[in-house]
N, C-alpha and C. Protein backbone atom coordinates (compact mmCIF):
# COMPACT_ATOMS: atom_id res chain seq x y z
N MET A 1 43.40 0.80 152.72
CA MET A 1 44.42 1.84 153.03
C MET A 1 44.30 3.00 152.49
N TYR A 2 44.58 4.28 152.79
CA TYR A 2 44.40 5.43 152.13
C TYR A 2 45.97 5.98 152.52
N LEU A 3 46.72 6.66 151.38
CA LEU A 3 47.85 6.80 151.09
C LEU A 3 47.71 8.44 150.85
N ILE A 4 48.05 9.04 152.02
CA ILE A 4 48.34 10.83 152.39
C ILE A 4 49.71 10.89 152.03
N VAL A 5 49.95 11.97 150.85
CA VAL A 5 51.44 12.51 150.72
C VAL A 5 51.26 13.59 150.24
N GLY A 6 51.88 14.44 151.36
CA GLY A 6 52.46 15.72 151.28
C GLY A 6 53.32 15.85 150.59
N LEU A 7 53.33 17.22 149.29
CA LEU A 7 54.85 17.46 148.88
C LEU A 7 55.32 18.52 149.23
N GLY A 8 56.93 18.44 149.18
CA GLY A 8 57.48 19.55 149.36
C GLY A 8 59.13 19.02 149.29
N ASN A 9 60.04 19.77 149.56
CA ASN A 9 61.46 19.58 149.86
C ASN A 9 61.68 19.49 151.01
N PRO A 10 63.09 18.90 150.70
CA PRO A 10 63.56 17.85 151.97
C PRO A 10 64.49 18.99 152.79
N GLY A 11 64.65 18.57 153.89
CA GLY A 11 65.86 19.88 154.38
C GLY A 11 65.12 21.15 154.95
N GLU A 12 66.35 21.15 156.76
CA GLU A 12 65.81 23.15 156.99
C GLU A 12 65.83 23.94 155.87
N LYS A 13 66.54 23.98 154.86
CA LYS A 13 66.71 25.21 154.00
C LYS A 13 65.37 25.62 153.19
N TYR A 14 64.49 24.05 153.36
CA TYR A 14 63.04 24.39 152.60
C TYR A 14 62.11 24.15 153.50
N ALA A 15 61.82 24.49 154.84
CA ALA A 15 61.05 24.24 155.89
C ALA A 15 60.12 25.49 155.69
N HIS A 16 59.12 25.70 156.04
CA HIS A 16 57.74 26.17 156.03
C HIS A 16 57.75 27.18 154.75
N THR A 17 58.86 26.59 153.51
CA THR A 17 58.52 27.79 152.47
C THR A 17 57.26 27.60 151.75
N ARG A 18 56.74 28.18 150.82
CA ARG A 18 55.73 28.07 150.49
C ARG A 18 55.21 26.42 149.64
N HIS A 19 56.68 26.32 149.51
CA HIS A 19 56.00 24.96 148.21
C HIS A 19 56.68 23.31 149.17
N ASN A 20 56.60 24.11 150.23
CA ASN A 20 56.33 22.67 151.65
C ASN A 20 55.05 22.57 152.31
N MET A 21 54.41 23.48 151.63
CA MET A 21 52.99 23.31 152.52
C MET A 21 51.92 21.95 152.33
N GLY A 22 52.45 21.38 151.64
CA GLY A 22 52.32 20.05 151.54
C GLY A 22 52.76 18.81 152.84
N PHE A 23 54.39 19.54 153.01
CA PHE A 23 54.91 18.86 154.36
C PHE A 23 54.45 19.20 155.51
N ASP A 24 54.13 20.91 155.69
CA ASP A 24 53.26 21.07 156.73
C ASP A 24 51.97 20.32 156.85
N VAL A 25 51.06 20.20 156.03
CA VAL A 25 49.98 19.56 156.40
C VAL A 25 49.74 18.06 156.54
N ILE A 26 50.61 17.68 156.10
CA ILE A 26 51.28 16.53 156.96
C ILE A 26 51.24 16.20 158.07
N ASP A 27 52.44 17.09 158.69
CA ASP A 27 52.50 17.45 159.70
C ASP A 27 51.12 17.60 161.14
N GLU A 28 50.83 18.55 160.09
CA GLU A 28 49.40 18.64 161.10
C GLU A 28 48.65 17.73 161.25
N LEU A 29 48.44 16.62 160.46
CA LEU A 29 47.43 15.46 160.13
C LEU A 29 47.77 14.83 160.95
N ALA A 30 49.47 14.46 161.22
CA ALA A 30 50.46 13.65 162.06
C ALA A 30 50.21 13.67 163.64
N SER A 31 49.96 15.35 163.55
CA SER A 31 49.74 15.91 164.97
C SER A 31 48.42 15.39 165.50
N THR A 32 47.28 15.45 164.89
CA THR A 32 46.04 15.42 165.56
C THR A 32 46.08 14.47 165.46
N MET A 33 46.46 13.23 164.57
CA MET A 33 46.48 11.86 164.38
C MET A 33 47.01 10.65 165.73
N GLY A 34 47.82 11.69 166.12
CA GLY A 34 49.04 11.02 166.99
C GLY A 34 49.88 10.21 166.55
N VAL A 35 50.38 10.33 165.35
CA VAL A 35 51.11 9.76 164.85
C VAL A 35 52.38 10.01 164.38
N ASP A 36 53.83 9.43 164.85
CA ASP A 36 55.01 9.53 164.37
C ASP A 36 55.84 9.62 162.81
N LEU A 37 56.82 10.38 162.59
CA LEU A 37 56.99 10.30 160.58
C LEU A 37 58.36 10.09 161.55
N ASP A 38 58.57 9.68 162.46
CA ASP A 38 60.06 8.69 162.45
C ASP A 38 60.44 7.54 161.32
N THR A 39 59.56 6.94 160.95
CA THR A 39 59.93 5.59 159.87
C THR A 39 60.91 6.16 158.23
N LYS A 40 61.99 5.83 158.21
CA LYS A 40 62.14 6.33 157.17
C LYS A 40 61.66 4.85 155.86
N LYS A 41 61.54 4.87 155.00
CA LYS A 41 60.61 3.93 154.07
C LYS A 41 60.30 5.05 152.59
N PHE A 42 60.14 3.52 151.37
CA PHE A 42 59.73 4.41 150.28
C PHE A 42 60.34 5.82 149.68
N LYS A 43 61.59 5.95 150.47
CA LYS A 43 62.73 7.20 149.86
C LYS A 43 61.94 8.28 150.56
N GLY A 44 60.83 8.33 152.33
CA GLY A 44 60.23 8.78 152.36
C GLY A 44 60.14 8.91 154.21
N HIS A 45 60.02 10.30 154.24
CA HIS A 45 59.19 9.65 156.05
C HIS A 45 57.53 9.50 156.01
N VAL A 46 57.30 8.60 156.49
CA VAL A 46 56.04 7.53 156.88
C VAL A 46 55.51 7.55 158.11
N GLY A 47 54.36 7.92 158.65
CA GLY A 47 53.70 7.30 159.31
C GLY A 47 52.29 6.64 159.22
N GLN A 48 51.76 5.25 160.77
CA GLN A 48 50.60 4.97 160.01
C GLN A 48 49.86 5.05 161.25
N GLY A 49 48.52 5.64 160.95
CA GLY A 49 47.91 5.43 161.70
C GLY A 49 46.03 5.42 161.37
N ARG A 50 44.73 5.96 162.15
CA ARG A 50 43.58 5.67 161.24
C ARG A 50 42.85 7.20 161.28
N ILE A 51 41.91 7.04 160.38
CA ILE A 51 41.20 8.26 160.47
C ILE A 51 39.56 7.47 160.05
N GLY A 52 38.86 7.57 160.70
CA GLY A 52 37.92 7.32 161.43
C GLY A 52 37.82 5.53 161.39
N SER A 53 37.35 4.80 160.52
CA SER A 53 37.60 3.50 160.54
C SER A 53 39.07 2.99 159.72
N GLU A 54 39.47 3.69 158.55
CA GLU A 54 40.14 3.46 157.84
C GLU A 54 41.85 3.83 158.29
N LYS A 55 42.37 2.65 157.66
CA LYS A 55 43.41 2.36 158.08
C LYS A 55 44.48 3.71 157.30
N VAL A 56 45.49 4.99 157.86
CA VAL A 56 46.16 5.86 157.02
C VAL A 56 47.59 5.86 156.38
N LEU A 57 48.36 6.07 155.58
CA LEU A 57 49.60 5.81 155.75
C LEU A 57 49.92 7.38 155.35
N LEU A 58 50.77 8.22 156.30
CA LEU A 58 51.26 9.48 155.86
C LEU A 58 52.33 9.66 154.70
N LEU A 59 52.66 10.15 154.10
CA LEU A 59 54.81 10.07 153.45
C LEU A 59 54.79 11.62 153.43
N LYS A 60 55.72 11.55 153.61
CA LYS A 60 56.47 12.97 153.62
C LYS A 60 57.85 12.40 152.58
N PRO A 61 57.91 12.48 151.36
CA PRO A 61 58.85 12.18 150.29
C PRO A 61 60.22 13.01 150.74
N ASP A 62 61.28 12.04 150.57
CA ASP A 62 62.42 13.22 151.09
C ASP A 62 63.08 13.40 149.53
N THR A 63 62.54 12.98 148.37
CA THR A 63 63.27 12.76 147.48
C THR A 63 62.90 14.52 146.81
N PHE A 64 63.76 15.21 145.97
CA PHE A 64 63.06 16.64 145.72
C PHE A 64 61.33 16.87 145.28
N MET A 65 60.67 17.92 145.27
CA MET A 65 60.24 18.33 144.80
C MET A 65 59.69 17.19 143.04
N ASN A 66 60.53 17.88 142.28
CA ASN A 66 60.65 17.21 141.21
C ASN A 66 60.87 15.63 140.91
N LEU A 67 61.35 14.58 141.59
CA LEU A 67 61.03 13.52 142.04
C LEU A 67 60.04 12.58 143.00
N SER A 68 59.35 13.43 143.58
CA SER A 68 58.07 12.75 144.12
C SER A 68 57.13 11.83 143.65
N GLY A 69 57.61 11.53 142.52
CA GLY A 69 56.78 9.91 142.08
C GLY A 69 57.14 8.77 142.61
N ASP A 70 58.77 9.04 142.51
CA ASP A 70 59.33 7.94 143.22
C ASP A 70 58.88 7.07 144.64
N SER A 71 58.55 7.98 145.19
CA SER A 71 58.58 7.71 146.85
C SER A 71 57.04 7.38 146.62
N VAL A 72 56.43 8.19 145.74
CA VAL A 72 54.97 8.09 145.84
C VAL A 72 54.52 6.17 145.38
N SER A 73 55.23 5.74 144.21
CA SER A 73 54.86 4.67 143.21
C SER A 73 55.48 3.53 144.19
N GLN A 74 56.57 3.68 144.91
CA GLN A 74 57.45 2.79 146.14
C GLN A 74 56.06 2.40 147.18
N ALA A 75 55.65 3.37 147.40
CA ALA A 75 54.59 3.20 148.75
C ALA A 75 53.11 2.27 148.23
N ILE A 76 52.62 3.23 146.89
CA ILE A 76 51.41 2.47 145.81
C ILE A 76 52.25 1.31 145.92
N GLN A 77 52.91 0.40 145.35
CA GLN A 77 52.82 -0.90 144.89
C GLN A 77 53.39 -1.85 145.88
N PHE A 78 54.27 -1.54 147.38
CA PHE A 78 53.86 -2.21 148.23
C PHE A 78 53.06 -2.56 149.20
N TYR A 79 51.91 -1.07 149.14
CA TYR A 79 50.68 -1.25 149.59
C TYR A 79 49.84 -1.82 148.83
N LYS A 80 49.51 -1.91 147.30
CA LYS A 80 49.06 -2.15 146.87
C LYS A 80 47.50 -1.45 146.29
N ILE A 81 48.08 -0.29 146.80
CA ILE A 81 47.39 0.87 146.89
C ILE A 81 46.91 1.17 145.74
N ASP A 82 45.22 1.63 145.09
CA ASP A 82 44.30 1.73 144.00
C ASP A 82 44.57 3.58 143.74
N PRO A 83 45.39 4.00 143.16
CA PRO A 83 45.65 5.52 143.62
C PRO A 83 44.60 6.15 142.73
N GLU A 84 43.95 5.62 142.08
CA GLU A 84 42.49 6.19 141.74
C GLU A 84 41.45 6.29 142.95
N GLU A 85 41.44 5.49 143.64
CA GLU A 85 40.32 5.57 144.71
C GLU A 85 41.12 5.98 146.77
N GLU A 86 42.71 5.86 146.35
CA GLU A 86 42.83 5.39 148.00
C GLU A 86 44.06 6.29 147.79
N LEU A 87 44.52 7.33 147.00
CA LEU A 87 45.36 8.11 146.75
C LEU A 87 45.05 9.63 147.12
N ILE A 88 45.68 10.59 148.21
CA ILE A 88 45.71 11.76 148.18
C ILE A 88 46.72 12.30 147.99
N VAL A 89 46.95 13.65 147.00
CA VAL A 89 48.04 13.94 146.99
C VAL A 89 47.52 15.72 147.47
N ILE A 90 48.56 16.44 148.65
CA ILE A 90 48.38 17.52 149.53
C ILE A 90 49.51 18.38 148.82
N SER A 91 49.67 19.52 147.26
CA SER A 91 50.98 20.37 147.00
C SER A 91 50.46 21.79 147.61
N ASP A 92 51.17 22.62 146.49
CA ASP A 92 51.07 23.98 147.03
C ASP A 92 50.03 24.16 145.87
N ASP A 93 49.73 25.42 145.48
CA ASP A 93 49.11 25.98 144.42
C ASP A 93 49.21 27.69 144.19
N ILE A 94 50.04 27.90 143.40
CA ILE A 94 50.36 29.75 143.37
C ILE A 94 49.14 29.99 142.72
N ASN A 95 48.55 29.63 141.62
CA ASN A 95 46.97 30.17 141.69
C ASN A 95 46.27 30.75 142.23
N LEU A 96 46.03 30.01 143.75
CA LEU A 96 44.74 30.05 144.89
C LEU A 96 45.82 31.66 146.17
N ASP A 97 45.05 32.46 146.55
CA ASP A 97 45.50 33.15 146.84
C ASP A 97 45.46 32.59 148.78
N VAL A 98 46.69 33.00 149.73
CA VAL A 98 46.91 32.02 150.60
C VAL A 98 45.32 32.16 151.39
N GLY A 99 45.46 30.43 152.35
CA GLY A 99 43.99 30.82 152.84
C GLY A 99 43.11 30.34 152.17
N ARG A 100 43.34 29.52 150.63
CA ARG A 100 42.31 28.93 149.89
C ARG A 100 42.80 27.68 149.76
N LEU A 101 41.66 26.65 149.55
CA LEU A 101 41.76 25.30 149.16
C LEU A 101 41.30 25.05 147.45
N ARG A 102 41.46 24.21 147.38
CA ARG A 102 41.38 23.43 145.81
C ARG A 102 41.06 21.79 146.01
N ILE A 103 40.09 21.16 146.32
CA ILE A 103 39.90 20.23 146.47
C ILE A 103 39.54 19.55 145.06
N ARG A 104 39.86 18.25 144.62
CA ARG A 104 39.31 17.58 143.32
C ARG A 104 39.73 16.48 143.36
N ALA A 105 39.09 15.69 142.75
CA ALA A 105 38.97 14.19 142.71
C ALA A 105 40.21 13.43 141.33
N LYS A 106 40.32 14.58 140.79
CA LYS A 106 41.30 13.77 139.50
C LYS A 106 41.18 15.17 138.71
N GLY A 107 42.43 15.16 138.05
CA GLY A 107 43.00 16.39 136.99
C GLY A 107 44.74 16.50 136.86
N SER A 108 44.95 17.32 136.06
CA SER A 108 46.21 18.01 135.43
C SER A 108 46.96 17.82 136.62
N ALA A 109 48.55 17.94 136.05
CA ALA A 109 49.19 18.43 137.07
C ALA A 109 49.02 20.11 136.87
N GLY A 110 48.60 20.76 136.06
CA GLY A 110 48.52 21.91 136.19
C GLY A 110 49.67 23.20 136.19
N GLY A 111 50.71 22.45 136.29
CA GLY A 111 52.14 23.14 135.91
C GLY A 111 53.01 23.20 136.75
N HIS A 112 52.79 22.08 138.35
CA HIS A 112 53.06 21.79 139.20
C HIS A 112 54.04 20.40 139.20
N ASN A 113 54.89 20.53 139.11
CA ASN A 113 56.27 19.64 138.91
C ASN A 113 56.02 18.57 139.98
N GLY A 114 56.37 18.61 140.69
CA GLY A 114 55.60 17.32 141.90
C GLY A 114 54.49 16.22 141.52
N LEU A 115 53.46 17.21 141.37
CA LEU A 115 52.45 16.57 140.90
C LEU A 115 52.34 15.51 139.15
N LYS A 116 53.23 16.53 138.49
CA LYS A 116 53.91 15.96 136.86
C LYS A 116 54.77 14.48 137.43
N ASP A 117 55.03 14.64 138.02
CA ASP A 117 56.00 13.71 138.26
C ASP A 117 55.40 12.24 139.03
N ILE A 118 54.50 12.49 139.82
CA ILE A 118 53.52 11.64 140.04
C ILE A 118 53.05 11.27 139.19
N ILE A 119 52.37 11.47 138.70
CA ILE A 119 51.55 11.45 137.47
C ILE A 119 52.25 10.59 136.30
N ALA A 120 53.42 11.15 136.29
CA ALA A 120 54.66 9.80 135.34
C ALA A 120 54.66 8.94 136.23
N LYS A 121 54.70 8.35 136.90
CA LYS A 121 55.66 7.34 137.73
C LYS A 121 54.37 6.80 138.33
N CYS A 122 53.07 6.70 138.30
CA CYS A 122 52.14 5.56 138.89
C CYS A 122 50.97 5.58 137.62
N GLY A 123 51.96 6.65 136.13
CA GLY A 123 50.42 6.14 135.24
C GLY A 123 48.93 6.86 135.09
N THR A 124 48.32 7.68 136.53
CA THR A 124 47.54 8.04 136.40
C THR A 124 47.45 9.63 136.68
N GLN A 125 46.30 10.31 136.34
CA GLN A 125 46.45 11.68 136.73
C GLN A 125 44.90 11.65 137.54
N ASN A 126 44.91 10.44 137.52
CA ASN A 126 42.96 10.30 138.72
C ASN A 126 43.31 9.66 140.09
N PHE A 127 43.70 11.14 140.31
CA PHE A 127 43.75 10.64 141.73
C PHE A 127 43.36 12.10 142.25
N LYS A 128 43.03 11.71 143.95
CA LYS A 128 42.43 12.87 144.69
C LYS A 128 43.62 13.88 144.93
N ARG A 129 42.93 14.78 145.03
CA ARG A 129 44.42 16.35 145.73
C ARG A 129 43.76 17.17 146.15
N ILE A 130 44.69 17.67 147.33
CA ILE A 130 44.25 18.92 147.72
C ILE A 130 45.38 19.75 147.62
N ARG A 131 45.12 20.93 146.68
CA ARG A 131 45.43 21.93 146.59
C ARG A 131 45.70 23.38 147.30
N VAL A 132 46.74 23.98 148.30
CA VAL A 132 46.74 24.39 148.96
C VAL A 132 47.24 25.63 148.91
N GLY A 133 46.31 26.97 149.06
CA GLY A 133 47.25 28.45 148.35
C GLY A 133 48.14 28.86 149.07
N VAL A 134 49.25 29.82 147.77
CA VAL A 134 50.25 29.93 148.87
C VAL A 134 50.17 31.56 148.15
N GLY A 135 49.58 31.92 147.07
CA GLY A 135 49.76 33.34 146.72
C GLY A 135 50.53 33.63 145.27
N MET A 136 50.25 34.46 144.82
CA MET A 136 50.20 34.61 143.70
C MET A 136 52.03 35.33 143.62
N LYS A 137 52.66 34.58 142.40
CA LYS A 137 54.12 35.09 142.52
C LYS A 137 54.33 36.38 142.71
N GLU A 138 55.49 36.98 143.42
CA GLU A 138 55.32 38.76 143.99
C GLU A 138 56.56 38.48 142.72
N GLN A 139 56.83 37.94 142.46
CA GLN A 139 58.54 38.16 141.73
C GLN A 139 58.26 37.75 140.45
N LYS A 140 59.45 37.94 139.87
CA LYS A 140 60.11 37.75 138.12
C LYS A 140 60.40 35.95 138.84
N ASP A 141 60.81 35.77 139.57
CA ASP A 141 61.60 34.00 139.38
C ASP A 141 60.50 33.35 140.52
N LEU A 142 59.83 32.92 139.35
CA LEU A 142 58.73 31.72 140.31
C LEU A 142 59.80 30.99 141.06
N ALA A 143 60.55 30.26 140.58
CA ALA A 143 61.75 28.95 142.11
C ALA A 143 61.66 30.19 143.36
N LYS A 144 61.84 31.12 143.21
CA LYS A 144 62.35 31.87 144.56
C LYS A 144 61.36 32.51 144.93
N HIS A 145 60.10 32.70 144.62
CA HIS A 145 58.84 32.97 144.74
C HIS A 145 58.16 31.38 146.15
N VAL A 146 58.42 30.28 145.62
CA VAL A 146 57.90 29.49 145.76
C VAL A 146 58.79 28.96 146.95
N LEU A 147 60.24 29.01 146.44
CA LEU A 147 61.29 28.44 147.63
C LEU A 147 61.03 29.61 149.11
N SER A 148 60.34 31.03 149.32
CA SER A 148 60.75 31.99 149.88
C SER A 148 59.57 31.75 151.03
N THR A 149 59.84 32.29 152.10
CA THR A 149 58.53 32.12 153.42
C THR A 149 57.62 33.02 153.08
N PHE A 150 56.38 32.71 154.14
CA PHE A 150 55.23 34.07 153.81
C PHE A 150 55.85 34.85 154.75
N ARG A 151 55.09 35.93 154.21
CA ARG A 151 55.13 37.05 154.91
C ARG A 151 54.56 36.84 156.18
N LYS A 152 55.15 38.21 157.10
CA LYS A 152 54.44 38.05 158.56
C LYS A 152 53.12 37.98 158.44
N GLU A 153 51.87 39.01 157.31
CA GLU A 153 50.66 39.23 157.64
C GLU A 153 50.04 38.24 157.14
N ASP A 154 51.17 36.90 157.04
CA ASP A 154 49.85 36.18 156.09
C ASP A 154 49.79 34.64 156.81
N GLN A 155 50.81 34.83 158.07
CA GLN A 155 51.19 33.76 159.33
C GLN A 155 49.82 33.08 159.26
N SER A 156 49.03 34.12 159.85
CA SER A 156 47.43 33.15 160.94
C SER A 156 46.77 32.37 159.46
N LEU A 157 46.74 32.80 158.16
CA LEU A 157 46.16 32.73 156.77
C LEU A 157 46.45 30.98 156.29
N VAL A 158 47.70 31.41 156.47
CA VAL A 158 48.41 30.07 156.42
C VAL A 158 48.13 28.60 157.58
N LYS A 159 48.78 29.44 158.70
CA LYS A 159 48.09 28.68 159.62
C LYS A 159 46.39 27.78 159.65
N GLU A 160 45.67 28.71 159.69
CA GLU A 160 44.40 27.96 159.27
C GLU A 160 43.98 27.44 157.83
N SER A 161 44.55 27.33 156.16
CA SER A 161 44.64 26.89 155.88
C SER A 161 45.09 25.73 156.12
N ILE A 162 46.27 25.47 156.41
CA ILE A 162 46.65 23.80 156.82
C ILE A 162 45.93 23.36 157.58
N GLU A 163 45.79 23.85 158.49
CA GLU A 163 44.30 22.93 159.59
C GLU A 163 43.67 22.78 158.53
N LYS A 164 42.75 23.68 157.52
CA LYS A 164 41.60 23.10 157.26
C LYS A 164 42.17 21.90 156.33
N ALA A 165 43.72 22.02 155.47
CA ALA A 165 43.65 21.17 154.89
C ALA A 165 43.61 19.89 155.32
N ALA A 166 44.11 19.93 156.44
CA ALA A 166 43.83 18.56 157.45
C ALA A 166 42.69 18.00 157.48
N LYS A 167 42.23 18.81 157.92
CA LYS A 167 40.34 18.51 158.37
C LYS A 167 40.08 17.89 156.82
N ALA A 168 39.94 18.66 155.73
CA ALA A 168 39.27 18.20 154.37
C ALA A 168 39.85 16.88 153.74
N ALA A 169 41.34 16.81 154.04
CA ALA A 169 41.66 15.09 153.81
C ALA A 169 41.07 13.97 154.70
N SER A 170 40.49 14.59 156.50
CA SER A 170 39.67 13.67 157.08
C SER A 170 38.58 13.14 156.40
N VAL A 171 38.27 14.67 156.08
CA VAL A 171 36.60 14.85 155.40
C VAL A 171 36.83 13.76 154.01
N MET A 172 37.49 14.01 153.39
CA MET A 172 37.65 12.92 151.82
C MET A 172 37.45 11.54 152.49
N ILE A 173 38.34 11.11 153.38
CA ILE A 173 38.04 9.91 153.89
C ILE A 173 37.02 9.38 154.45
N ILE A 174 36.41 9.58 155.30
CA ILE A 174 35.23 9.62 156.13
C ILE A 174 33.80 9.95 155.30
N GLU A 175 33.95 11.06 154.68
CA GLU A 175 32.63 11.46 153.79
C GLU A 175 32.43 11.26 152.43
N GLY A 176 33.80 11.29 152.02
CA GLY A 176 33.92 11.48 150.55
C GLY A 176 34.44 12.88 150.14
N THR A 177 35.00 13.08 148.67
CA THR A 177 35.92 13.96 148.06
C THR A 177 34.69 14.62 147.82
N GLU A 178 33.50 14.21 147.19
CA GLU A 178 32.28 15.59 147.02
C GLU A 178 32.27 16.47 148.23
N THR A 179 31.83 15.97 149.20
CA THR A 179 31.27 16.24 150.36
C THR A 179 32.73 17.29 150.90
N ALA A 180 33.90 16.91 151.10
CA ALA A 180 34.56 17.91 151.33
C ALA A 180 35.37 19.36 150.03
N MET A 181 34.59 18.44 149.13
CA MET A 181 34.63 19.74 148.18
C MET A 181 34.02 20.81 148.45
N ASN A 182 32.50 19.83 148.78
CA ASN A 182 31.36 21.42 149.15
C ASN A 182 31.38 22.19 150.33
N LEU A 183 32.15 21.60 151.08
CA LEU A 183 32.93 22.46 152.36
C LEU A 183 33.94 22.96 152.02
N PHE A 184 35.15 22.79 151.66
CA PHE A 184 36.14 23.69 152.32
C PHE A 184 36.81 24.12 150.06
N ASN A 185 36.30 24.25 148.94
CA ASN A 185 36.35 24.34 147.79
C ASN A 185 36.50 26.19 148.15
């Protein structure tokens, strides 16, 4: 079983902000897979489905970004998921332009607090990830930037990057991370 986690902050206040890009990708995956995310479990909203022949659990943590590891580690422990083989985390990345993706088989948190917490609580940084570009900070206040919504002129790129990230997750599961990197990076 694969666990695909989208990072974000819960609540309408944060909906569709740059920092909630992971949530938006999970919503896109759920829609294409025909999965409901209405089950509350593991301090988050979950739904189960299939990508190809693989069972997949989609997870949107209800913890705030900085505590994402609480939710992820509970799901990993319950389903005995090997994070180095069966975990994919989707997050925003301020160092990528809007519309760009970066797929990696492992790596550091790169300053992202949600990834830092997952690494700390799961005991490894060797898990797959999809980073979705949200643009360089336009303000001096990083928190304000990542909690802001996208500019109107970026909306079509945002929609496209959400769709591409969802497809990339599917390719990672069906064809492997290397293939997804070659197609989407």
